[in-house]
Amino acid sequence: MREISDGDWQDGGACADEYDSYLLQVVSKLRRGEPKSEVVAYMEDTETGTIGLTPNETLRSRAEATVVAIGEYLETFPPGPLKVR
């Protein structure tokens, strides 16, 4: 398992773990203008299909809240390529 303290994830390095890579896919999808409903579906599929967790009653609401939060955060960035800050 990778540790955040190893510093490899900073300044364009690899993700700290596979969960970061899933969230980076969400960022990419939102930046490309994919519909939020499709991004939510990606998160649901990732949790149940890729990670293998059992679906439950909070899955959709958690995915929607995460997509909204990431979308709102992305709105604070200027247009153009994203940079680590």
C-alpha atoms as a PDB file:
ATOM      1  CA  MET A   1       0.000   0.000   0.000  1.00  0.00           C
ATOM      2  CA  ARG A   2       1.240   3.465  -0.877  1.00  0.00           C
ATOM      3  CA  GLU A   3       1.610   6.094   1.807  1.00  0.00           C
ATOM      4  CA  ILE A   4       0.825   9.757   1.294  1.00  0.00           C
ATOM      5  CA  SER A   5       4.063  10.579   3.106  1.00  0.00           C
ATOM      6  CA  ASP A   6       6.135   8.963   0.340  1.00  0.00           C
ATOM      7  CA  GLY A   7       5.535  12.063  -1.818  1.00  0.00           C
ATOM      8  CA  ASP A   8       5.279  10.127  -5.107  1.00  0.00           C
ATOM      9  CA  TRP A   9       1.711  11.308  -5.652  1.00  0.00           C
ATOM     10  CA  GLN A  10       2.689  14.991  -5.656  1.00  0.00           C
ATOM     11  CA  ASP A  11       3.566  17.122  -8.682  1.00  0.00           C
ATOM     12  CA  GLY A  12       2.183  14.798 -11.300  1.00  0.00           C
ATOM     13  CA  GLY A  13       3.321  11.540  -9.744  1.00  0.00           C
ATOM     14  CA  ALA A  14       1.176   8.454  -9.412  1.00  0.00           C
ATOM     15  CA  CYS A  15      -2.020   8.481  -7.372  1.00  0.00           C
ATOM     16  CA  ALA A  16      -1.746   7.720  -3.677  1.00  0.00           C
ATOM     17  CA  ASP A  17      -3.969   4.664  -4.243  1.00  0.00           C
ATOM     18  CA  GLU A  18      -6.586   3.291  -6.612  1.00  0.00           C
ATOM     19  CA  TYR A  19      -9.354   5.308  -4.975  1.00  0.00           C
ATOM     20  CA  ASP A  20      -7.646   8.532  -6.030  1.00  0.00           C
ATOM     21  CA  SER A  21      -7.580   7.261  -9.602  1.00  0.00           C
ATOM     22  CA  TYR A  22     -11.366   6.742  -9.492  1.00  0.00           C
ATOM     23  CA  LEU A  23     -11.861  10.325  -8.339  1.00  0.00           C
ATOM     24  CA  LEU A  24      -9.511  11.580 -11.050  1.00  0.00           C
ATOM     25  CA  GLN A  25     -11.772   9.836 -13.566  1.00  0.00           C
ATOM     26  CA  VAL A  26     -14.699  11.778 -12.090  1.00  0.00           C
ATOM     27  CA  VAL A  27     -12.747  15.021 -12.488  1.00  0.00           C
ATOM     28  CA  SER A  28     -11.901  14.149 -16.080  1.00  0.00           C
ATOM     29  CA  LYS A  29     -15.494  13.283 -16.937  1.00  0.00           C
ATOM     30  CA  LEU A  30     -16.813  16.513 -15.418  1.00  0.00           C
ATOM     31  CA  ARG A  31     -14.138  18.602 -17.165  1.00  0.00           C
ATOM     32  CA  ARG A  32     -15.144  17.023 -20.500  1.00  0.00           C
ATOM     33  CA  GLY A  33     -18.731  18.069 -19.835  1.00  0.00           C
ATOM     34  CA  GLU A  34     -20.206  14.607 -19.419  1.00  0.00           C
ATOM     35  CA  PRO A  35     -23.697  14.714 -17.889  1.00  0.00           C
ATOM     36  CA  LYS A  36     -23.654  14.472 -14.118  1.00  0.00           C
ATOM     37  CA  SER A  37     -26.021  11.510 -14.314  1.00  0.00           C
ATOM     38  CA  GLU A  38     -23.380   9.570 -16.284  1.00  0.00           C
ATOM     39  CA  VAL A  39     -20.663  10.515 -13.800  1.00  0.00           C
ATOM     40  CA  VAL A  40     -22.871   9.366 -10.920  1.00  0.00           C
ATOM     41  CA  ALA A  41     -23.461   6.086 -12.780  1.00  0.00           C
ATOM     42  CA  TYR A  42     -19.675   5.697 -13.186  1.00  0.00           C
ATOM     43  CA  MET A  43     -19.230   6.115  -9.431  1.00  0.00           C
ATOM     44  CA  GLU A  44     -21.991   3.613  -8.675  1.00  0.00           C
ATOM     45  CA  ASP A  45     -20.504   1.080 -11.093  1.00  0.00           C
ATOM     46  CA  THR A  46     -17.036   1.613  -9.667  1.00  0.00           C
ATOM     47  CA  GLU A  47     -18.228   0.964  -6.124  1.00  0.00           C
ATOM     48  CA  THR A  48     -20.279  -2.116  -6.939  1.00  0.00           C
ATOM     49  CA  GLY A  49     -18.573  -3.503 -10.038  1.00  0.00           C
ATOM     50  CA  THR A  50     -14.914  -2.586  -9.744  1.00  0.00           C
ATOM     51  CA  ILE A  51     -14.466  -2.416  -5.981  1.00  0.00           C
ATOM     52  CA  GLY A  52     -17.079  -5.114  -5.391  1.00  0.00           C
ATOM     53  CA  LEU A  53     -19.075  -3.589  -2.552  1.00  0.00           C
ATOM     54  CA  THR A  54     -22.705  -4.562  -2.091  1.00  0.00           C
ATOM     55  CA  PRO A  55     -25.160  -1.897  -3.283  1.00  0.00           C
ATOM     56  CA  ASN A  56     -27.131  -0.232  -0.511  1.00  0.00           C
ATOM     57  CA  GLU A  57     -29.708   2.512  -0.056  1.00  0.00           C
ATOM     58  CA  THR A  58     -27.097   5.287   0.290  1.00  0.00           C
ATOM     59  CA  LEU A  59     -25.103   4.488  -2.850  1.00  0.00           C
ATOM     60  CA  ARG A  60     -26.811   6.926  -5.226  1.00  0.00           C
ATOM     61  CA  SER A  61     -27.036   9.802  -2.743  1.00  0.00           C
ATOM     62  CA  ARG A  62     -23.359   9.443  -1.819  1.00  0.00           C
ATOM     63  CA  ALA A  63     -22.341   9.324  -5.477  1.00  0.00           C
ATOM     64  CA  GLU A  64     -24.485  12.365  -6.282  1.00  0.00           C
ATOM     65  CA  ALA A  65     -23.081  14.333  -3.334  1.00  0.00           C
ATOM     66  CA  THR A  66     -19.521  13.500  -4.371  1.00  0.00           C
ATOM     67  CA  VAL A  67     -20.111  14.535  -7.987  1.00  0.00           C
ATOM     68  CA  VAL A  68     -21.709  17.808  -6.861  1.00  0.00           C
ATOM     69  CA  ALA A  69     -18.844  18.554  -4.438  1.00  0.00           C
ATOM     70  CA  ILE A  70     -16.163  17.838  -7.035  1.00  0.00           C
ATOM     71  CA  GLY A  71     -18.069  19.877  -9.637  1.00  0.00           C
ATOM     72  CA  GLU A  72     -18.335  22.847  -7.286  1.00  0.00           C
ATOM     73  CA  TYR A  73     -14.636  22.584  -6.477  1.00  0.00           C
ATOM     74  CA  LEU A  74     -13.721  22.490 -10.162  1.00  0.00           C
ATOM     75  CA  GLU A  75     -15.652  25.707 -10.684  1.00  0.00           C
ATOM     76  CA  THR A  76     -13.060  27.483  -8.504  1.00  0.00           C
ATOM     77  CA  PHE A  77     -10.313  26.766 -11.067  1.00  0.00           C
ATOM     78  CA  PRO A  78      -9.639  29.093 -13.993  1.00  0.00           C
ATOM     79  CA  PRO A  79     -10.351  27.739 -17.480  1.00  0.00           C
ATOM     80  CA  GLY A  80      -7.616  25.652 -19.048  1.00  0.00           C
ATOM     81  CA  PRO A  81      -5.506  22.723 -17.942  1.00  0.00           C
ATOM     82  CA  LEU A  82      -5.654  21.806 -14.272  1.00  0.00           C
ATOM     83  CA  LYS A  83      -2.544  22.209 -12.169  1.00  0.00           C
ATOM     84  CA  VAL A  84      -1.740  20.735  -8.793  1.00  0.00           C
ATOM     85  CA  ARG A  85      -2.200  23.248  -6.005  1.00  0.00           C
END
